Amino acid sequence: MGSAWVNFNIRFYVVALIFIIFEVEIAFIFPVATVFRRWVEGGAGVFALVEVLLFIGILFLGLVYAWAKGDLEWVKKIRA
C-alpha cells in the first residue's frame, strides 16, 4: 500500500512520442513504394520520386531538430 503517485521521468514519453511519429510517417512510404512502378510507367516517376525525397527530407530535418535539442538523450547534460 502506498501512494499512487510515482516519480517518472518525462524523457521516456518524449522518446516514445518521437519514435511513434517517425514510425507512422515511415509507414506512409510503403503504399507509395507499391505503386511507384505504375507511376514510372505512366510518366509520373520523376514527380513521384521528388515528392518521396521531399517527404523523407522533411522527416530527416525533424530528426535532426530533435537530436539537436537533445530530446533523444536519456540523460541530459547539465551545463555549468
N, C-alpha and C. Protein backbone atom coordinates (compact mmCIF):
# COMPACT_ATOMS: atom_id res chain seq x y z
N MET A 1 0.85 -1.17 0.00
CA MET A 1 0.00 0.00 0.00
C MET A 1 0.90 1.23 0.00
N GLY A 2 0.49 2.17 -0.74
CA GLY A 2 1.25 3.40 -0.79
C GLY A 2 0.55 4.40 -1.71
N SER A 3 1.25 5.42 -2.02
CA SER A 3 0.71 6.47 -2.87
C SER A 3 0.67 6.01 -4.33
N ALA A 4 -0.32 6.45 -5.06
CA ALA A 4 -0.43 6.13 -6.47
C ALA A 4 0.48 7.01 -7.32
N TRP A 5 1.00 8.06 -6.74
CA TRP A 5 1.87 8.96 -7.47
C TRP A 5 3.28 8.38 -7.52
N VAL A 6 3.81 8.28 -8.73
CA VAL A 6 5.15 7.75 -8.93
C VAL A 6 5.96 8.82 -9.65
N ASN A 7 7.16 9.05 -9.17
CA ASN A 7 8.05 10.00 -9.83
C ASN A 7 8.60 9.33 -11.08
N PHE A 8 8.16 9.79 -12.25
CA PHE A 8 8.51 9.16 -13.52
C PHE A 8 9.16 10.20 -14.42
N ASN A 9 10.24 9.80 -15.08
CA ASN A 9 10.97 10.72 -15.95
C ASN A 9 10.19 10.94 -17.24
N ILE A 10 9.93 12.18 -17.59
CA ILE A 10 9.16 12.53 -18.78
C ILE A 10 9.93 12.19 -20.06
N ARG A 11 11.22 11.99 -19.98
CA ARG A 11 12.04 11.65 -21.15
C ARG A 11 11.54 10.38 -21.83
N PHE A 12 11.05 9.43 -21.07
CA PHE A 12 10.55 8.20 -21.67
C PHE A 12 9.37 8.50 -22.60
N TYR A 13 8.50 9.40 -22.18
CA TYR A 13 7.37 9.78 -23.01
C TYR A 13 7.82 10.52 -24.27
N VAL A 14 8.78 11.42 -24.13
CA VAL A 14 9.26 12.20 -25.27
C VAL A 14 9.89 11.28 -26.31
N VAL A 15 10.74 10.37 -25.89
CA VAL A 15 11.38 9.45 -26.82
C VAL A 15 10.33 8.53 -27.46
N ALA A 16 9.36 8.09 -26.70
CA ALA A 16 8.31 7.23 -27.25
C ALA A 16 7.47 7.98 -28.28
N LEU A 17 7.14 9.23 -28.00
CA LEU A 17 6.38 10.02 -28.97
C LEU A 17 7.16 10.26 -30.24
N ILE A 18 8.44 10.56 -30.12
CA ILE A 18 9.27 10.76 -31.31
C ILE A 18 9.34 9.47 -32.12
N PHE A 19 9.49 8.34 -31.45
CA PHE A 19 9.53 7.06 -32.15
C PHE A 19 8.22 6.81 -32.89
N ILE A 20 7.10 7.05 -32.24
CA ILE A 20 5.80 6.78 -32.88
C ILE A 20 5.58 7.71 -34.06
N ILE A 21 5.96 8.96 -33.93
CA ILE A 21 5.81 9.91 -35.04
C ILE A 21 6.59 9.43 -36.26
N PHE A 22 7.85 9.07 -36.06
CA PHE A 22 8.66 8.64 -37.20
C PHE A 22 8.22 7.27 -37.72
N GLU A 23 7.75 6.41 -36.85
CA GLU A 23 7.30 5.09 -37.29
C GLU A 23 6.04 5.21 -38.15
N VAL A 24 5.12 6.05 -37.77
CA VAL A 24 3.90 6.24 -38.55
C VAL A 24 4.23 6.90 -39.88
N GLU A 25 5.11 7.86 -39.87
CA GLU A 25 5.48 8.54 -41.11
C GLU A 25 6.18 7.60 -42.08
N ILE A 26 7.01 6.73 -41.59
CA ILE A 26 7.66 5.75 -42.45
C ILE A 26 6.63 4.77 -43.02
N ALA A 27 5.60 4.48 -42.26
CA ALA A 27 4.55 3.59 -42.75
C ALA A 27 3.81 4.20 -43.94
N PHE A 28 3.83 5.51 -44.08
CA PHE A 28 3.20 6.16 -45.22
C PHE A 28 3.99 5.95 -46.51
N ILE A 29 5.24 5.59 -46.41
CA ILE A 29 6.06 5.40 -47.60
C ILE A 29 5.75 4.06 -48.28
N PHE A 30 5.31 3.06 -47.55
CA PHE A 30 5.06 1.74 -48.13
C PHE A 30 4.01 1.76 -49.23
N PRO A 31 2.87 2.43 -49.08
CA PRO A 31 1.93 2.47 -50.20
C PRO A 31 2.52 3.13 -51.45
N VAL A 32 3.32 4.14 -51.26
CA VAL A 32 3.96 4.81 -52.39
C VAL A 32 4.92 3.85 -53.08
N ALA A 33 5.64 3.08 -52.31
CA ALA A 33 6.59 2.13 -52.89
C ALA A 33 5.89 1.04 -53.69
N THR A 34 4.68 0.69 -53.29
CA THR A 34 3.97 -0.38 -54.01
C THR A 34 3.45 0.09 -55.36
N VAL A 35 3.13 1.36 -55.52
CA VAL A 35 2.60 1.84 -56.79
C VAL A 35 3.62 2.65 -57.58
N PHE A 36 4.85 2.70 -57.12
CA PHE A 36 5.85 3.53 -57.78
C PHE A 36 6.13 3.06 -59.21
N ARG A 37 6.19 1.76 -59.43
CA ARG A 37 6.45 1.24 -60.78
C ARG A 37 5.34 1.66 -61.74
N ARG A 38 4.11 1.65 -61.26
CA ARG A 38 2.98 2.08 -62.11
C ARG A 38 3.11 3.55 -62.46
N TRP A 39 3.58 4.36 -61.53
CA TRP A 39 3.77 5.78 -61.81
C TRP A 39 4.89 6.00 -62.81
N VAL A 40 5.95 5.22 -62.71
CA VAL A 40 7.04 5.33 -63.67
C VAL A 40 6.55 4.97 -65.06
N GLU A 41 5.77 3.91 -65.18
CA GLU A 41 5.22 3.50 -66.47
C GLU A 41 4.24 4.54 -67.02
N GLY A 42 3.58 5.25 -66.13
CA GLY A 42 2.63 6.29 -66.54
C GLY A 42 3.26 7.63 -66.83
N GLY A 43 4.56 7.76 -66.61
CA GLY A 43 5.25 9.01 -66.91
C GLY A 43 5.36 9.97 -65.74
N ALA A 44 4.93 9.57 -64.56
CA ALA A 44 4.98 10.46 -63.40
C ALA A 44 6.04 10.01 -62.41
N GLY A 45 7.02 9.23 -62.86
CA GLY A 45 8.03 8.68 -61.96
C GLY A 45 8.92 9.73 -61.32
N VAL A 46 9.36 10.70 -62.10
CA VAL A 46 10.25 11.74 -61.57
C VAL A 46 9.51 12.59 -60.54
N PHE A 47 8.28 12.94 -60.85
CA PHE A 47 7.48 13.74 -59.91
C PHE A 47 7.26 12.98 -58.60
N ALA A 48 6.94 11.69 -58.70
CA ALA A 48 6.72 10.87 -57.50
C ALA A 48 8.01 10.73 -56.71
N LEU A 49 9.12 10.54 -57.39
CA LEU A 49 10.40 10.42 -56.69
C LEU A 49 10.75 11.71 -55.96
N VAL A 50 10.52 12.84 -56.58
CA VAL A 50 10.80 14.13 -55.93
C VAL A 50 9.92 14.29 -54.70
N GLU A 51 8.66 13.91 -54.81
CA GLU A 51 7.76 14.02 -53.66
C GLU A 51 8.20 13.12 -52.50
N VAL A 52 8.61 11.90 -52.81
CA VAL A 52 9.07 10.98 -51.76
C VAL A 52 10.35 11.49 -51.13
N LEU A 53 11.27 11.98 -51.95
CA LEU A 53 12.52 12.53 -51.40
C LEU A 53 12.27 13.77 -50.56
N LEU A 54 11.32 14.59 -50.95
CA LEU A 54 10.96 15.76 -50.14
C LEU A 54 10.37 15.33 -48.81
N PHE A 55 9.51 14.32 -48.84
CA PHE A 55 8.91 13.78 -47.63
C PHE A 55 9.98 13.24 -46.68
N ILE A 56 10.91 12.46 -47.22
CA ILE A 56 11.99 11.90 -46.41
C ILE A 56 12.90 13.02 -45.89
N GLY A 57 13.12 14.05 -46.71
CA GLY A 57 13.93 15.19 -46.27
C GLY A 57 13.31 15.92 -45.10
N ILE A 58 11.99 16.09 -45.13
CA ILE A 58 11.30 16.75 -44.02
C ILE A 58 11.40 15.89 -42.76
N LEU A 59 11.25 14.57 -42.91
CA LEU A 59 11.42 13.67 -41.76
C LEU A 59 12.84 13.78 -41.20
N PHE A 60 13.82 13.83 -42.09
CA PHE A 60 15.21 13.93 -41.65
C PHE A 60 15.46 15.25 -40.91
N LEU A 61 14.89 16.34 -41.40
CA LEU A 61 15.03 17.62 -40.70
C LEU A 61 14.41 17.56 -39.31
N GLY A 62 13.28 16.89 -39.20
CA GLY A 62 12.65 16.72 -37.88
C GLY A 62 13.52 15.91 -36.94
N LEU A 63 14.15 14.88 -37.47
CA LEU A 63 15.05 14.07 -36.65
C LEU A 63 16.27 14.86 -36.21
N VAL A 64 16.83 15.64 -37.13
CA VAL A 64 17.99 16.48 -36.78
C VAL A 64 17.60 17.51 -35.72
N TYR A 65 16.40 18.09 -35.85
CA TYR A 65 15.94 19.07 -34.87
C TYR A 65 15.79 18.44 -33.48
N ALA A 66 15.18 17.26 -33.43
CA ALA A 66 15.01 16.57 -32.15
C ALA A 66 16.36 16.19 -31.56
N TRP A 67 17.28 15.79 -32.40
CA TRP A 67 18.61 15.42 -31.94
C TRP A 67 19.37 16.64 -31.43
N ALA A 68 19.27 17.76 -32.17
CA ALA A 68 19.98 18.98 -31.76
C ALA A 68 19.42 19.54 -30.45
N LYS A 69 18.12 19.38 -30.22
CA LYS A 69 17.53 19.84 -28.96
C LYS A 69 17.93 18.97 -27.79
N GLY A 70 18.43 17.76 -28.08
CA GLY A 70 18.82 16.85 -27.02
C GLY A 70 17.68 15.97 -26.53
N ASP A 71 16.60 15.90 -27.31
CA ASP A 71 15.45 15.11 -26.89
C ASP A 71 15.67 13.61 -27.05
N LEU A 72 16.71 13.20 -27.72
CA LEU A 72 16.98 11.78 -27.92
C LEU A 72 17.96 11.23 -26.90
N GLU A 73 18.40 12.05 -25.99
CA GLU A 73 19.35 11.60 -24.96
C GLU A 73 18.57 11.18 -23.72
N TRP A 74 18.96 10.05 -23.13
CA TRP A 74 18.29 9.58 -21.93
C TRP A 74 18.63 10.43 -20.73
N VAL A 75 19.87 10.90 -20.67
CA VAL A 75 20.31 11.71 -19.54
C VAL A 75 20.77 13.05 -20.08
N LYS A 76 20.15 14.13 -19.64
CA LYS A 76 20.54 15.45 -20.08
C LYS A 76 21.82 15.88 -19.37
N LYS A 77 22.69 16.50 -20.13
CA LYS A 77 23.92 17.01 -19.55
C LYS A 77 23.64 18.37 -18.92
N ILE A 78 24.17 18.58 -17.76
CA ILE A 78 23.99 19.86 -17.07
C ILE A 78 25.15 20.75 -17.45
N ARG A 79 24.80 21.88 -18.04
CA ARG A 79 25.84 22.82 -18.46
C ARG A 79 26.14 23.78 -17.32
N ALA A 80 27.39 23.89 -17.01
CA ALA A 80 27.79 24.74 -15.90
C ALA A 80 28.04 26.15 -16.33
